[in-house]
Amino acid sequence: MLNYSNIFDKEALDYTSYRNLVDELLAKGETTGPDNSEDMLHYTKMNVQRMNRVDKTTVLTEELLSTLQQIQGKYRFLIITEGWCGDAAQIVPVFNKIASAAADKFELKLTLRDKNLSLIDAHLTNGGRAIPVLLILDEAGNLVLPKWGPRPIALQNLMLEWKNEGIVMPELAEKLHSWYAKDKTATTQQELNQLLKQLK
């Protein structure tokens, strides 16, 4: 039985600490997770730029802000992520924007997938350890909604199509990030709005 509260309180990092960890590891020629290959370091460097951009440019929609205002309870966002993950770079800053916009209702923490395999293995996507994953907990540490992630449904379907067409990395990553760049977090915000509407 997973103890979400324990992971949240004792192991997970706040957003600033997570960003600092990724930067500190990069300065040493490392990334989060066990693979410090040139490719993974390259992805991580790109992801730092992506997170900076999403942090700077994302404005939450009126609909989403309205949903946040209507939530009465207090909740915790537990996010499973890694510094080398392209989807996480595009989405984790949006989670942070939401938690920051309603700081009286949400507390956000991040945990690394590869340091917490029992956690990700309880929340697989099509049998795989895809990230990022958002878990919403109540104050007692109970999971209150189904997990969200690793990417918006429209993009998830496109990814399956691209893979079926035989498209592989790095072209796959190029298509993925091009989609995110055009979408400007709109679809992510829309889906998260629908999810959060279920909270009391």
Protein backbone atom coordinates (compact mmCIF):
# COMPACT_ATOMS: atom_id res chain seq x y z
CA MET A 1 0.00 0.00 0.00
CA LEU A 2 1.52 3.33 -1.06
CA ASN A 3 1.80 6.03 1.58
CA TYR A 4 1.22 9.16 -0.51
CA SER A 5 1.52 11.48 2.50
CA ASN A 6 4.92 10.06 3.35
CA ILE A 7 6.18 10.57 -0.21
CA PHE A 8 4.71 14.09 -0.32
CA ASP A 9 6.04 15.19 3.09
CA LYS A 10 9.40 13.43 3.26
CA GLU A 11 10.65 12.76 -0.26
CA ALA A 12 9.08 15.21 -2.70
CA LEU A 13 10.52 18.63 -3.64
CA ASP A 14 8.80 21.97 -4.10
CA TYR A 15 8.98 23.48 -7.58
CA THR A 16 11.95 25.79 -6.91
CA SER A 17 13.97 22.97 -5.31
CA TYR A 18 13.19 20.70 -8.27
CA ARG A 19 14.31 23.35 -10.77
CA ASN A 20 17.46 23.99 -8.73
CA LEU A 21 18.23 20.25 -8.57
CA VAL A 22 18.01 19.93 -12.38
CA ASP A 23 20.33 22.96 -12.79
CA GLU A 24 22.83 21.70 -10.19
CA LEU A 25 23.01 18.24 -11.77
CA LEU A 26 23.50 19.75 -15.25
CA ALA A 27 26.39 21.85 -13.94
CA LYS A 28 28.06 18.55 -12.94
CA GLY A 29 27.33 16.91 -16.30
CA GLU A 30 24.46 14.87 -14.88
CA THR A 31 20.69 14.70 -15.11
CA THR A 32 17.97 13.19 -12.93
CA GLY A 33 17.70 9.42 -13.25
CA PRO A 34 20.50 6.89 -13.86
CA ASP A 35 21.29 7.75 -17.53
CA ASN A 36 23.80 10.60 -17.89
CA SER A 37 24.47 10.05 -21.60
CA GLU A 38 25.08 12.95 -24.00
CA ASP A 39 21.55 12.56 -25.37
CA MET A 40 19.94 12.77 -21.94
CA LEU A 41 22.05 15.81 -21.02
CA HIS A 42 21.04 17.46 -24.31
CA TYR A 43 17.33 16.80 -23.62
CA THR A 44 17.70 18.17 -20.10
CA LYS A 45 19.38 21.39 -21.31
CA MET A 46 16.60 21.90 -23.85
CA ASN A 47 14.02 21.21 -21.16
CA VAL A 48 15.43 23.88 -18.85
CA GLN A 49 14.90 26.39 -21.69
CA ARG A 50 11.39 25.03 -22.29
CA MET A 51 10.46 25.28 -18.60
CA ASN A 52 11.80 28.83 -18.47
CA ARG A 53 9.69 29.74 -21.49
CA VAL A 54 6.49 28.09 -20.18
CA ASP A 55 7.07 29.71 -16.76
CA LYS A 56 7.42 33.11 -18.41
CA THR A 57 4.71 33.00 -21.07
CA THR A 58 1.85 30.94 -19.63
CA VAL A 59 -1.24 32.85 -18.59
CA LEU A 60 -4.04 30.81 -17.03
CA THR A 61 -7.39 31.02 -18.81
CA GLU A 62 -10.38 32.79 -17.25
CA GLU A 63 -12.24 29.46 -17.18
CA LEU A 64 -9.49 27.77 -15.22
CA LEU A 65 -9.13 30.69 -12.79
CA SER A 66 -12.90 30.61 -12.25
CA THR A 67 -12.77 26.87 -11.49
CA LEU A 68 -9.97 27.44 -8.99
CA GLN A 69 -12.00 30.13 -7.20
CA GLN A 70 -14.92 27.75 -6.74
CA ILE A 71 -12.88 25.01 -5.04
CA GLN A 72 -13.46 25.07 -1.30
CA GLY A 73 -11.19 22.31 -0.01
CA LYS A 74 -7.43 22.02 0.34
CA TYR A 75 -5.51 19.61 -1.88
CA ARG A 76 -2.01 18.44 -2.70
CA PHE A 77 -0.55 18.02 -6.19
CA LEU A 78 1.99 15.19 -6.23
CA ILE A 79 3.79 15.14 -9.58
CA ILE A 80 5.95 12.31 -10.90
CA THR A 81 8.57 13.75 -13.24
CA GLU A 82 12.20 13.77 -14.44
CA GLY A 83 14.44 16.57 -15.72
CA TRP A 84 15.12 14.79 -19.04
CA CYS A 85 11.44 14.32 -19.93
CA GLY A 86 10.21 16.57 -22.76
CA ASP A 87 6.52 16.30 -21.88
CA ALA A 88 7.29 17.17 -18.26
CA ALA A 89 9.14 20.32 -19.35
CA GLN A 90 6.06 21.50 -21.25
CA ILE A 91 3.50 20.60 -18.56
CA VAL A 92 5.03 20.74 -15.06
CA PRO A 93 5.28 24.58 -15.14
CA VAL A 94 1.52 24.66 -15.88
CA PHE A 95 0.84 22.56 -12.76
CA ASN A 96 2.95 25.05 -10.82
CA LYS A 97 1.06 28.05 -12.26
CA ILE A 98 -2.23 26.49 -11.14
CA ALA A 99 -0.97 25.72 -7.63
CA SER A 100 0.51 29.23 -7.32
CA ALA A 101 -2.73 30.88 -8.52
CA ALA A 102 -4.62 29.18 -5.68
CA ALA A 103 -1.89 28.79 -3.07
CA ASP A 104 -4.50 28.74 -0.28
CA LYS A 105 -6.01 25.57 -1.80
CA PHE A 106 -3.11 23.71 -3.39
CA GLU A 107 0.35 22.63 -2.33
CA LEU A 108 2.58 21.24 -5.07
CA LYS A 109 5.49 18.82 -4.74
CA LEU A 110 7.47 16.80 -7.27
CA THR A 111 9.02 13.36 -6.99
CA LEU A 112 11.46 11.71 -9.40
CA ARG A 113 10.09 8.70 -11.27
CA ASP A 114 13.28 6.64 -11.17
CA LYS A 115 13.70 7.12 -7.42
CA ASN A 116 10.12 6.04 -6.77
CA LEU A 117 9.36 3.10 -9.06
CA SER A 118 6.65 1.68 -6.77
CA LEU A 119 4.77 4.99 -7.15
CA ILE A 120 4.95 5.17 -10.97
CA ASP A 121 4.21 1.42 -11.23
CA ALA A 122 0.90 2.09 -9.47
CA HIS A 123 0.08 4.72 -12.16
CA LEU A 124 1.23 3.27 -15.50
CA THR A 125 -0.01 4.49 -18.89
CA ASN A 126 -0.69 1.62 -21.33
CA GLY A 127 1.71 -0.47 -19.25
CA GLY A 128 4.54 2.09 -19.48
CA ARG A 129 6.16 4.44 -16.97
CA ALA A 130 5.15 7.57 -18.91
CA ILE A 131 5.54 10.95 -17.20
CA PRO A 132 4.62 13.53 -16.06
CA VAL A 133 1.82 12.19 -13.89
CA LEU A 134 -0.33 14.45 -11.69
CA LEU A 135 -1.84 12.86 -8.58
CA ILE A 136 -4.33 14.94 -6.60
CA LEU A 137 -4.49 14.13 -2.89
CA ASP A 138 -6.64 15.43 -0.07
CA GLU A 139 -5.06 16.73 3.15
CA ALA A 140 -5.08 13.22 4.62
CA GLY A 141 -3.04 11.98 1.65
CA ASN A 142 -5.82 10.03 -0.08
CA LEU A 143 -5.97 10.00 -3.87
CA VAL A 144 -9.17 11.86 -4.79
CA LEU A 145 -9.22 11.76 -8.62
CA PRO A 146 -7.82 9.50 -11.35
CA LYS A 147 -4.27 10.42 -12.36
CA TRP A 148 -3.73 12.91 -15.18
CA GLY A 149 -0.88 12.56 -17.66
CA PRO A 150 1.49 12.06 -19.31
CA ARG A 151 0.15 14.50 -21.95
CA PRO A 152 -3.17 15.86 -23.28
CA ILE A 153 -5.38 13.20 -24.91
CA ALA A 154 -5.22 14.85 -28.37
CA LEU A 155 -1.41 14.69 -28.30
CA GLN A 156 -1.42 11.18 -26.83
CA ASN A 157 -3.50 10.03 -29.84
CA LEU A 158 -1.15 11.84 -32.25
CA MET A 159 1.86 10.17 -30.63
CA LEU A 160 0.29 6.74 -31.20
CA GLU A 161 -0.37 7.67 -34.85
CA TRP A 162 3.20 8.89 -35.36
CA LYS A 163 4.63 5.74 -33.78
CA ASN A 164 2.37 3.57 -35.96
CA GLU A 165 3.74 5.46 -38.99
CA GLY A 166 7.22 4.38 -37.91
CA ILE A 167 8.38 7.84 -36.80
CA VAL A 168 11.16 7.54 -34.20
CA MET A 169 13.39 9.87 -32.19
CA PRO A 170 14.61 12.56 -32.80
CA GLU A 171 11.86 13.36 -35.34
CA LEU A 172 9.22 12.23 -32.85
CA ALA A 173 10.50 14.72 -30.27
CA GLU A 174 10.52 17.46 -32.91
CA LYS A 175 6.85 16.81 -33.77
CA LEU A 176 5.92 16.66 -30.08
CA HIS A 177 7.54 19.99 -29.18
CA SER A 178 6.22 21.64 -32.32
CA TRP A 179 2.69 20.66 -31.19
CA TYR A 180 3.30 22.11 -27.72
CA ALA A 181 4.73 25.33 -29.20
CA LYS A 182 1.66 25.88 -31.38
CA ASP A 183 -0.79 24.90 -28.64
CA LYS A 184 0.71 27.31 -26.05
CA THR A 185 -0.65 25.19 -23.11
CA ALA A 186 -4.30 25.73 -24.22
CA THR A 187 -5.21 22.03 -24.46
CA THR A 188 -3.35 21.18 -21.24
CA GLN A 189 -5.22 23.94 -19.40
CA GLN A 190 -8.55 22.82 -20.87
CA GLU A 191 -8.09 19.22 -19.71
CA LEU A 192 -6.85 20.25 -16.27
CA ASN A 193 -9.84 22.58 -15.94
CA GLN A 194 -12.20 19.65 -16.57
CA LEU A 195 -10.30 17.54 -14.03
CA LEU A 196 -10.28 20.22 -11.33
CA LYS A 197 -13.99 20.93 -11.78
CA GLN A 198 -14.55 17.61 -10.02
CA LEU A 199 -12.99 18.91 -6.79
CA LYS A 200 -15.18 20.31 -4.04
